[in-house]
Amino acid sequence: MTSMVPFLGQLVAIPKVEPRFNTALKQLNSKGMELKINNQNKHFASSNLTVQALLDLEIPEKQNGIAIAINDTVIPKSNWNSHPLKETDTVLIISATQGG
């Protein structure tokens, strides 16, 4: 027995699987999410991102000296690993600069 699942714009036949694999199938069928990051819309395949996961994807090399605001609310660095992002969140990444 198979079921048809949309994947990358096409229907794909998926064999019936054990219930323990249902979570993986739901993720496969997920449309992901769109976020606005520094005034640019970006689409992400995963719909389960935290602030830290987003930073690991977007700026893996420079995560010191930055501040993050989600929907105009600053998120403390201590909460980056646990703060979930939601579809259509507006993310502002601010880098500290030196100068006078």
PDB file of N, CA and C in Angstrom:
ATOM      1  N   MET A   1       0.849  -1.176   0.000  1.00  0.00           N
ATOM      2  CA  MET A   1       0.000   0.000   0.000  1.00  0.00           C
ATOM      3  C   MET A   1       0.896   1.241   0.000  1.00  0.00           C
ATOM      4  N   THR A   2       0.553   2.220  -0.816  1.00  0.00           N
ATOM      5  CA  THR A   2       1.320   3.461  -0.885  1.00  0.00           C
ATOM      6  C   THR A   2       0.386   4.652  -0.726  1.00  0.00           C
ATOM      7  N   SER A   3       0.977   5.781  -0.411  1.00  0.00           N
ATOM      8  CA  SER A   3       0.239   7.033  -0.403  1.00  0.00           C
ATOM      9  C   SER A   3       1.047   8.038  -1.210  1.00  0.00           C
ATOM     10  N   MET A   4       0.332   8.998  -1.791  1.00  0.00           N
ATOM     11  CA  MET A   4       0.986  10.019  -2.598  1.00  0.00           C
ATOM     12  C   MET A   4       1.223  11.248  -1.735  1.00  0.00           C
ATOM     13  N   VAL A   5       2.476  11.740  -1.744  1.00  0.00           N
ATOM     14  CA  VAL A   5       2.874  12.870  -0.913  1.00  0.00           C
ATOM     15  C   VAL A   5       3.534  13.914  -1.809  1.00  0.00           C
ATOM     16  N   PRO A   6       3.148  15.209  -1.660  1.00  0.00           N
ATOM     17  CA  PRO A   6       3.839  16.230  -2.451  1.00  0.00           C
ATOM     18  C   PRO A   6       5.266  16.422  -1.955  1.00  0.00           C
ATOM     19  N   PHE A   7       6.198  16.460  -2.883  1.00  0.00           N
ATOM     20  CA  PHE A   7       7.603  16.656  -2.554  1.00  0.00           C
ATOM     21  C   PHE A   7       8.249  17.432  -3.676  1.00  0.00           C
ATOM     22  N   LEU A   8       8.766  18.613  -3.369  1.00  0.00           N
ATOM     23  CA  LEU A   8       9.416  19.482  -4.363  1.00  0.00           C
ATOM     24  C   LEU A   8       8.520  19.718  -5.576  1.00  0.00           C
ATOM     25  N   GLY A   9       7.238  19.947  -5.305  1.00  0.00           N
ATOM     26  CA  GLY A   9       6.310  20.289  -6.371  1.00  0.00           C
ATOM     27  C   GLY A   9       5.764  19.115  -7.159  1.00  0.00           C
ATOM     28  N   GLN A  10       6.116  17.888  -6.792  1.00  0.00           N
ATOM     29  CA  GLN A  10       5.623  16.717  -7.494  1.00  0.00           C
ATOM     30  C   GLN A  10       5.056  15.729  -6.482  1.00  0.00           C
ATOM     31  N   LEU A  11       4.116  14.895  -6.944  1.00  0.00           N
ATOM     32  CA  LEU A  11       3.600  13.844  -6.081  1.00  0.00           C
ATOM     33  C   LEU A  11       4.533  12.643  -6.137  1.00  0.00           C
ATOM     34  N   VAL A  12       4.859  12.117  -4.961  1.00  0.00           N
ATOM     35  CA  VAL A  12       5.778  10.992  -4.842  1.00  0.00           C
ATOM     36  C   VAL A  12       5.069   9.872  -4.100  1.00  0.00           C
ATOM     37  N   ALA A  13       5.211   8.639  -4.604  1.00  0.00           N
ATOM     38  CA  ALA A  13       4.603   7.486  -3.940  1.00  0.00           C
ATOM     39  C   ALA A  13       5.460   7.083  -2.747  1.00  0.00           C
ATOM     40  N   ILE A  14       4.817   7.017  -1.588  1.00  0.00           N
ATOM     41  CA  ILE A  14       5.503   6.623  -0.356  1.00  0.00           C
ATOM     42  C   ILE A  14       4.864   5.337   0.143  1.00  0.00           C
ATOM     43  N   PRO A  15       5.636   4.286   0.336  1.00  0.00           N
ATOM     44  CA  PRO A  15       5.057   3.038   0.854  1.00  0.00           C
ATOM     45  C   PRO A  15       4.533   3.236   2.270  1.00  0.00           C
ATOM     46  N   LYS A  16       3.518   2.482   2.613  1.00  0.00           N
ATOM     47  CA  LYS A  16       2.986   2.537   3.972  1.00  0.00           C
ATOM     48  C   LYS A  16       4.099   2.118   4.933  1.00  0.00           C
ATOM     49  N   VAL A  17       4.252   2.889   6.006  1.00  0.00           N
ATOM     50  CA  VAL A  17       5.335   2.643   6.946  1.00  0.00           C
ATOM     51  C   VAL A  17       4.786   2.421   8.352  1.00  0.00           C
ATOM     52  N   GLU A  18       5.655   1.938   9.197  1.00  0.00           N
ATOM     53  CA  GLU A  18       5.281   1.730  10.587  1.00  0.00           C
ATOM     54  C   GLU A  18       4.973   3.077  11.241  1.00  0.00           C
ATOM     55  N   PRO A  19       4.100   3.098  12.260  1.00  0.00           N
ATOM     56  CA  PRO A  19       3.733   4.349  12.916  1.00  0.00           C
ATOM     57  C   PRO A  19       4.921   5.147  13.450  1.00  0.00           C
ATOM     58  N   ARG A  20       6.003   4.477  13.831  1.00  0.00           N
ATOM     59  CA  ARG A  20       7.141   5.217  14.374  1.00  0.00           C
ATOM     60  C   ARG A  20       7.793   6.119  13.336  1.00  0.00           C
ATOM     61  N   PHE A  21       7.503   5.916  12.053  1.00  0.00           N
ATOM     62  CA  PHE A  21       8.081   6.753  11.006  1.00  0.00           C
ATOM     63  C   PHE A  21       7.167   7.900  10.593  1.00  0.00           C
ATOM     64  N   ASN A  22       5.995   8.024  11.218  1.00  0.00           N
ATOM     65  CA  ASN A  22       5.054   9.080  10.836  1.00  0.00           C
ATOM     66  C   ASN A  22       5.646  10.470  11.000  1.00  0.00           C
ATOM     67  N   THR A  23       6.452  10.694  12.034  1.00  0.00           N
ATOM     68  CA  THR A  23       7.064  12.000  12.251  1.00  0.00           C
ATOM     69  C   THR A  23       7.963  12.363  11.080  1.00  0.00           C
ATOM     70  N   ALA A  24       8.756  11.425  10.615  1.00  0.00           N
ATOM     71  CA  ALA A  24       9.642  11.683   9.477  1.00  0.00           C
ATOM     72  C   ALA A  24       8.832  11.999   8.228  1.00  0.00           C
ATOM     73  N   LEU A  25       7.722  11.310   8.031  1.00  0.00           N
ATOM     74  CA  LEU A  25       6.878  11.593   6.868  1.00  0.00           C
ATOM     75  C   LEU A  25       6.272  12.990   6.947  1.00  0.00           C
ATOM     76  N   LYS A  26       5.869  13.406   8.123  1.00  0.00           N
ATOM     77  CA  LYS A  26       5.317  14.750   8.282  1.00  0.00           C
ATOM     78  C   LYS A  26       6.367  15.796   7.962  1.00  0.00           C
ATOM     79  N   GLN A  27       7.613  15.561   8.379  1.00  0.00           N
ATOM     80  CA  GLN A  27       8.678  16.507   8.073  1.00  0.00           C
ATOM     81  C   GLN A  27       8.956  16.545   6.576  1.00  0.00           C
ATOM     82  N   LEU A  28       8.878  15.405   5.922  1.00  0.00           N
ATOM     83  CA  LEU A  28       9.085  15.340   4.476  1.00  0.00           C
ATOM     84  C   LEU A  28       8.009  16.141   3.757  1.00  0.00           C
ATOM     85  N   ASN A  29       6.789  16.082   4.281  1.00  0.00           N
ATOM     86  CA  ASN A  29       5.663  16.767   3.672  1.00  0.00           C
ATOM     87  C   ASN A  29       5.593  18.234   4.089  1.00  0.00           C
ATOM     88  N   SER A  30       6.450  18.662   5.012  1.00  0.00           N
ATOM     89  CA  SER A  30       6.425  20.024   5.518  1.00  0.00           C
ATOM     90  C   SER A  30       6.826  21.015   4.432  1.00  0.00           C
ATOM     91  N   LYS A  31       6.177  22.148   4.446  1.00  0.00           N
ATOM     92  CA  LYS A  31       6.493  23.196   3.477  1.00  0.00           C
ATOM     93  C   LYS A  31       7.594  24.116   3.983  1.00  0.00           C
ATOM     94  N   GLY A  32       8.051  23.896   5.199  1.00  0.00           N
ATOM     95  CA  GLY A  32       9.064  24.763   5.758  1.00  0.00           C
ATOM     96  C   GLY A  32       8.446  26.056   6.247  1.00  0.00           C
ATOM     97  N   MET A  33       9.231  27.114   6.258  1.00  0.00           N
ATOM     98  CA  MET A  33       8.711  28.408   6.687  1.00  0.00           C
ATOM     99  C   MET A  33       9.475  29.537   6.036  1.00  0.00           C
ATOM    100  N   GLU A  34       8.814  30.684   6.008  1.00  0.00           N
ATOM    101  CA  GLU A  34       9.440  31.882   5.472  1.00  0.00           C
ATOM    102  C   GLU A  34       9.632  32.870   6.612  1.00  0.00           C
ATOM    103  N   LEU A  35      10.834  33.435   6.670  1.00  0.00           N
ATOM    104  CA  LEU A  35      11.173  34.430   7.677  1.00  0.00           C
ATOM    105  C   LEU A  35      11.680  35.676   6.975  1.00  0.00           C
ATOM    106  N   LYS A  36      11.483  36.804   7.596  1.00  0.00           N
ATOM    107  CA  LYS A  36      12.057  38.051   7.087  1.00  0.00           C
ATOM    108  C   LYS A  36      13.280  38.349   7.942  1.00  0.00           C
ATOM    109  N   ILE A  37      14.462  38.308   7.329  1.00  0.00           N
ATOM    110  CA  ILE A  37      15.721  38.515   8.037  1.00  0.00           C
ATOM    111  C   ILE A  37      16.380  39.775   7.503  1.00  0.00           C
ATOM    112  N   ASN A  38      16.528  40.766   8.372  1.00  0.00           N
ATOM    113  CA  ASN A  38      17.105  42.053   7.973  1.00  0.00           C
ATOM    114  C   ASN A  38      16.477  42.563   6.676  1.00  0.00           C
ATOM    115  N   ASN A  39      15.155  42.559   6.651  1.00  0.00           N
ATOM    116  CA  ASN A  39      14.338  43.071   5.535  1.00  0.00           C
ATOM    117  C   ASN A  39      14.428  42.252   4.252  1.00  0.00           C
ATOM    118  N   GLN A  40      14.897  41.012   4.344  1.00  0.00           N
ATOM    119  CA  GLN A  40      14.924  40.129   3.182  1.00  0.00           C
ATOM    120  C   GLN A  40      14.142  38.862   3.509  1.00  0.00           C
ATOM    121  N   ASN A  41      13.189  38.498   2.664  1.00  0.00           N
ATOM    122  CA  ASN A  41      12.437  37.262   2.865  1.00  0.00           C
ATOM    123  C   ASN A  41      13.308  36.072   2.493  1.00  0.00           C
ATOM    124  N   LYS A  42      13.331  35.082   3.383  1.00  0.00           N
ATOM    125  CA  LYS A  42      14.095  33.855   3.127  1.00  0.00           C
ATOM    126  C   LYS A  42      13.235  32.661   3.477  1.00  0.00           C
ATOM    127  N   HIS A  43      13.339  31.616   2.655  1.00  0.00           N
ATOM    128  CA  HIS A  43      12.584  30.386   2.898  1.00  0.00           C
ATOM    129  C   HIS A  43      13.519  29.329   3.461  1.00  0.00           C
ATOM    130  N   PHE A  44      13.029  28.601   4.468  1.00  0.00           N
ATOM    131  CA  PHE A  44      13.806  27.534   5.093  1.00  0.00           C
ATOM    132  C   PHE A  44      13.034  26.234   4.986  1.00  0.00           C
ATOM    133  N   ALA A  45      13.723  25.155   4.671  1.00  0.00           N
ATOM    134  CA  ALA A  45      13.080  23.858   4.493  1.00  0.00           C
ATOM    135  C   ALA A  45      12.467  23.351   5.788  1.00  0.00           C
ATOM    136  N   SER A  46      13.087  23.651   6.902  1.00  0.00           N
ATOM    137  CA  SER A  46      12.584  23.197   8.195  1.00  0.00           C
ATOM    138  C   SER A  46      11.577  24.198   8.746  1.00  0.00           C
ATOM    139  N   SER A  47      10.555  23.681   9.393  1.00  0.00           N
ATOM    140  CA  SER A  47       9.603  24.561  10.072  1.00  0.00           C
ATOM    141  C   SER A  47       9.849  24.542  11.576  1.00  0.00           C
ATOM    142  N   ASN A  48      10.932  23.904  12.004  1.00  0.00           N
ATOM    143  CA  ASN A  48      11.291  23.815  13.425  1.00  0.00           C
ATOM    144  C   ASN A  48      12.667  24.410  13.647  1.00  0.00           C
ATOM    145  N   LEU A  49      12.764  25.727  13.622  1.00  0.00           N
ATOM    146  CA  LEU A  49      14.045  26.395  13.833  1.00  0.00           C
ATOM    147  C   LEU A  49      14.023  27.170  15.141  1.00  0.00           C
ATOM    148  N   THR A  50      15.152  27.143  15.832  1.00  0.00           N
ATOM    149  CA  THR A  50      15.363  28.039  16.958  1.00  0.00           C
ATOM    150  C   THR A  50      16.227  29.195  16.460  1.00  0.00           C
ATOM    151  N   VAL A  51      16.371  30.209  17.289  1.00  0.00           N
ATOM    152  CA  VAL A  51      17.238  31.327  16.929  1.00  0.00           C
ATOM    153  C   VAL A  51      18.656  30.815  16.657  1.00  0.00           C
ATOM    154  N   GLN A  52      19.157  29.925  17.521  1.00  0.00           N
ATOM    155  CA  GLN A  52      20.513  29.404  17.344  1.00  0.00           C
ATOM    156  C   GLN A  52      20.639  28.608  16.047  1.00  0.00           C
ATOM    157  N   ALA A  53      19.655  27.790  15.722  1.00  0.00           N
ATOM    158  CA  ALA A  53      19.698  27.019  14.473  1.00  0.00           C
ATOM    159  C   ALA A  53      19.714  27.953  13.267  1.00  0.00           C
ATOM    160  N   LEU A  54      18.945  29.030  13.335  1.00  0.00           N
ATOM    161  CA  LEU A  54      18.944  30.013  12.252  1.00  0.00           C
ATOM    162  C   LEU A  54      20.322  30.646  12.096  1.00  0.00           C
ATOM    163  N   LEU A  55      20.934  31.032  13.214  1.00  0.00           N
ATOM    164  CA  LEU A  55      22.269  31.634  13.148  1.00  0.00           C
ATOM    165  C   LEU A  55      23.300  30.658  12.612  1.00  0.00           C
ATOM    166  N   ASP A  56      23.181  29.397  12.981  1.00  0.00           N
ATOM    167  CA  ASP A  56      24.105  28.382  12.474  1.00  0.00           C
ATOM    168  C   ASP A  56      23.995  28.252  10.958  1.00  0.00           C
ATOM    169  N   LEU A  57      22.806  28.466  10.428  1.00  0.00           N
ATOM    170  CA  LEU A  57      22.609  28.405   8.976  1.00  0.00           C
ATOM    171  C   LEU A  57      23.062  29.688   8.284  1.00  0.00           C
ATOM    172  N   GLU A  58      22.732  30.826   8.872  1.00  0.00           N
ATOM    173  CA  GLU A  58      22.953  32.113   8.213  1.00  0.00           C
ATOM    174  C   GLU A  58      24.352  32.693   8.421  1.00  0.00           C
ATOM    175  N   ILE A  59      24.861  32.633   9.633  1.00  0.00           N
ATOM    176  CA  ILE A  59      26.186  33.211   9.915  1.00  0.00           C
ATOM    177  C   ILE A  59      26.970  32.291  10.851  1.00  0.00           C
ATOM    178  N   PRO A  60      27.348  31.113  10.372  1.00  0.00           N
ATOM    179  CA  PRO A  60      28.039  30.164  11.247  1.00  0.00           C
ATOM    180  C   PRO A  60      29.400  30.658  11.727  1.00  0.00           C
ATOM    181  N   GLU A  61      30.037  31.551  10.984  1.00  0.00           N
ATOM    182  CA  GLU A  61      31.394  31.967  11.319  1.00  0.00           C
ATOM    183  C   GLU A  61      31.457  33.156  12.276  1.00  0.00           C
ATOM    184  N   LYS A  62      30.379  33.924  12.423  1.00  0.00           N
ATOM    185  CA  LYS A  62      30.447  35.132  13.257  1.00  0.00           C
ATOM    186  C   LYS A  62      29.208  35.245  14.135  1.00  0.00           C
ATOM    187  N   GLN A  63      29.289  34.672  15.335  1.00  0.00           N
ATOM    188  CA  GLN A  63      28.148  34.737  16.236  1.00  0.00           C
ATOM    189  C   GLN A  63      28.456  35.484  17.525  1.00  0.00           C
ATOM    190  N   ASN A  64      29.644  36.056  17.616  1.00  0.00           N
ATOM    191  CA  ASN A  64      29.980  36.899  18.765  1.00  0.00           C
ATOM    192  C   ASN A  64      29.739  38.350  18.379  1.00  0.00           C
ATOM    193  N   GLY A  65      29.356  39.150  19.347  1.00  0.00           N
ATOM    194  CA  GLY A  65      29.161  40.572  19.092  1.00  0.00           C
ATOM    195  C   GLY A  65      27.919  40.878  18.291  1.00  0.00           C
ATOM    196  N   ILE A  66      26.894  40.022  18.397  1.00  0.00           N
ATOM    197  CA  ILE A  66      25.651  40.290  17.688  1.00  0.00           C
ATOM    198  C   ILE A  66      24.487  40.280  18.668  1.00  0.00           C
ATOM    199  N   ALA A  67      23.419  40.935  18.275  1.00  0.00           N
ATOM    200  CA  ALA A  67      22.165  40.915  19.029  1.00  0.00           C
ATOM    201  C   ALA A  67      21.068  40.481  18.070  1.00  0.00           C
ATOM    202  N   ILE A  68      20.064  39.809  18.605  1.00  0.00           N
ATOM    203  CA  ILE A  68      18.963  39.297  17.793  1.00  0.00           C
ATOM    204  C   ILE A  68      17.645  39.845  18.345  1.00  0.00           C
ATOM    205  N   ALA A  69      16.822  40.368  17.447  1.00  0.00           N
ATOM    206  CA  ALA A  69      15.469  40.782  17.813  1.00  0.00           C
ATOM    207  C   ALA A  69      14.494  40.014  16.930  1.00  0.00           C
ATOM    208  N   ILE A  70      13.463  39.468  17.561  1.00  0.00           N
ATOM    209  CA  ILE A  70      12.391  38.778  16.838  1.00  0.00           C
ATOM    210  C   ILE A  70      11.132  39.600  17.035  1.00  0.00           C
ATOM    211  N   ASN A  71      10.560  40.062  15.931  1.00  0.00           N
ATOM    212  CA  ASN A  71       9.347  40.885  15.986  1.00  0.00           C
ATOM    213  C   ASN A  71       9.519  42.048  16.975  1.00  0.00           C
ATOM    214  N   ASP A  72      10.654  42.737  16.868  1.00  0.00           N
ATOM    215  CA  ASP A  72      10.978  43.922  17.671  1.00  0.00           C
ATOM    216  C   ASP A  72      11.221  43.637  19.147  1.00  0.00           C
ATOM    217  N   THR A  73      11.454  42.374  19.509  1.00  0.00           N
ATOM    218  CA  THR A  73      11.778  42.013  20.891  1.00  0.00           C
ATOM    219  C   THR A  73      13.162  41.380  20.913  1.00  0.00           C
ATOM    220  N   VAL A  74      14.075  41.970  21.691  1.00  0.00           N
ATOM    221  CA  VAL A  74      15.430  41.426  21.787  1.00  0.00           C
ATOM    222  C   VAL A  74      15.385  40.096  22.528  1.00  0.00           C
ATOM    223  N   ILE A  75      16.067  39.098  21.960  1.00  0.00           N
ATOM    224  CA  ILE A  75      16.139  37.764  22.557  1.00  0.00           C
ATOM    225  C   ILE A  75      17.510  37.623  23.215  1.00  0.00           C
ATOM    226  N   PRO A  76      17.558  37.412  24.540  1.00  0.00           N
ATOM    227  CA  PRO A  76      18.858  37.244  25.203  1.00  0.00           C
ATOM    228  C   PRO A  76      19.607  36.033  24.639  1.00  0.00           C
ATOM    229  N   LYS A  77      20.914  36.148  24.563  1.00  0.00           N
ATOM    230  CA  LYS A  77      21.737  35.058  24.028  1.00  0.00           C
ATOM    231  C   LYS A  77      21.499  33.755  24.788  1.00  0.00           C
ATOM    232  N   SER A  78      21.193  33.843  26.073  1.00  0.00           N
ATOM    233  CA  SER A  78      20.930  32.641  26.871  1.00  0.00           C
ATOM    234  C   SER A  78      19.674  31.897  26.414  1.00  0.00           C
ATOM    235  N   ASN A  79      18.817  32.543  25.619  1.00  0.00           N
ATOM    236  CA  ASN A  79      17.584  31.912  25.131  1.00  0.00           C
ATOM    237  C   ASN A  79      17.653  31.495  23.661  1.00  0.00           C
ATOM    238  N   TRP A  80      18.759  31.742  22.992  1.00  0.00           N
ATOM    239  CA  TRP A  80      18.842  31.442  21.565  1.00  0.00           C
ATOM    240  C   TRP A  80      18.575  29.970  21.260  1.00  0.00           C
ATOM    241  N   ASN A  81      19.076  29.059  22.112  1.00  0.00           N
ATOM    242  CA  ASN A  81      18.881  27.626  21.851  1.00  0.00           C
ATOM    243  C   ASN A  81      17.446  27.172  22.046  1.00  0.00           C
ATOM    244  N   SER A  82      16.687  27.883  22.833  1.00  0.00           N
ATOM    245  CA  SER A  82      15.333  27.429  23.155  1.00  0.00           C
ATOM    246  C   SER A  82      14.232  28.275  22.538  1.00  0.00           C
ATOM    247  N   HIS A  83      14.554  29.430  21.986  1.00  0.00           N
ATOM    248  CA  HIS A  83      13.513  30.308  21.434  1.00  0.00           C
ATOM    249  C   HIS A  83      13.116  29.842  20.028  1.00  0.00           C
ATOM    250  N   PRO A  84      11.889  29.336  19.867  1.00  0.00           N
ATOM    251  CA  PRO A  84      11.466  28.858  18.550  1.00  0.00           C
ATOM    252  C   PRO A  84      11.069  30.013  17.635  1.00  0.00           C
ATOM    253  N   LEU A  85      11.302  29.821  16.366  1.00  0.00           N
ATOM    254  CA  LEU A  85      10.862  30.785  15.358  1.00  0.00           C
ATOM    255  C   LEU A  85       9.567  30.280  14.739  1.00  0.00           C
ATOM    256  N   LYS A  86       8.708  31.232  14.374  1.00  0.00           N
ATOM    257  CA  LYS A  86       7.436  30.880  13.764  1.00  0.00           C
ATOM    258  C   LYS A  86       7.346  31.478  12.362  1.00  0.00           C
ATOM    259  N   GLU A  87       6.528  30.860  11.539  1.00  0.00           N
ATOM    260  CA  GLU A  87       6.279  31.354  10.176  1.00  0.00           C
ATOM    261  C   GLU A  87       5.989  32.851  10.218  1.00  0.00           C
ATOM    262  N   THR A  88       6.586  33.571   9.329  1.00  0.00           N
ATOM    263  CA  THR A  88       6.434  35.018   9.135  1.00  0.00           C
ATOM    264  C   THR A  88       7.060  35.869  10.242  1.00  0.00           C
ATOM    265  N   ASP A  89       7.894  35.286  11.128  1.00  0.00           N
ATOM    266  CA  ASP A  89       8.608  36.113  12.100  1.00  0.00           C
ATOM    267  C   ASP A  89       9.525  37.084  11.360  1.00  0.00           C
ATOM    268  N   THR A  90       9.719  38.242  11.958  1.00  0.00           N
ATOM    269  CA  THR A  90      10.672  39.218  11.448  1.00  0.00           C
ATOM    270  C   THR A  90      11.893  39.186  12.358  1.00  0.00           C
ATOM    271  N   VAL A  91      13.051  38.886  11.766  1.00  0.00           N
ATOM    272  CA  VAL A  91      14.295  38.713  12.518  1.00  0.00           C
ATOM    273  C   VAL A  91      15.239  39.852  12.156  1.00  0.00           C
ATOM    274  N   LEU A  92      15.790  40.474  13.188  1.00  0.00           N
ATOM    275  CA  LEU A  92      16.788  41.523  12.975  1.00  0.00           C
ATOM    276  C   LEU A  92      18.090  41.069  13.628  1.00  0.00           C
ATOM    277  N   ILE A  93      19.147  40.959  12.813  1.00  0.00           N
ATOM    278  CA  ILE A  93      20.475  40.575  13.306  1.00  0.00           C
ATOM    279  C   ILE A  93      21.331  41.838  13.279  1.00  0.00           C
ATOM    280  N   ILE A  94      21.807  42.230  14.454  1.00  0.00           N
ATOM    281  CA  ILE A  94      22.573  43.466  14.584  1.00  0.00           C
ATOM    282  C   ILE A  94      24.000  43.094  14.986  1.00  0.00           C
ATOM    283  N   SER A  95      24.977  43.599  14.231  1.00  0.00           N
ATOM    284  CA  SER A  95      26.391  43.351  14.557  1.00  0.00           C
ATOM    285  C   SER A  95      26.977  44.577  15.229  1.00  0.00           C
ATOM    286  N   ALA A  96      27.735  44.345  16.290  1.00  0.00           N
ATOM    287  CA  ALA A  96      28.443  45.444  16.952  1.00  0.00           C
ATOM    288  C   ALA A  96      29.608  45.888  16.069  1.00  0.00           C
ATOM    289  N   THR A  97      29.846  47.177  16.031  1.00  0.00           N
ATOM    290  CA  THR A  97      30.976  47.700  15.266  1.00  0.00           C
ATOM    291  C   THR A  97      31.812  48.592  16.162  1.00  0.00           C
ATOM    292  N   GLN A  98      33.083  48.713  15.812  1.00  0.00           N
ATOM    293  CA  GLN A  98      33.978  49.580  16.556  1.00  0.00           C
ATOM    294  C   GLN A  98      34.130  50.884  15.799  1.00  0.00           C
ATOM    295  N   GLY A  99      34.437  51.897  16.482  1.00  0.00           N
ATOM    296  CA  GLY A  99      34.656  53.183  15.828  1.00  0.00           C
ATOM    297  C   GLY A  99      34.288  54.313  16.746  1.00  0.00           C
ATOM    298  N   GLY A 100      34.382  55.484  16.232  1.00  0.00           N
ATOM    299  CA  GLY A 100      34.094  56.617  17.092  1.00  0.00           C
ATOM    300  C   GLY A 100      33.492  57.760  16.358  1.00  0.00           C
TER     301      GLY A 100
END
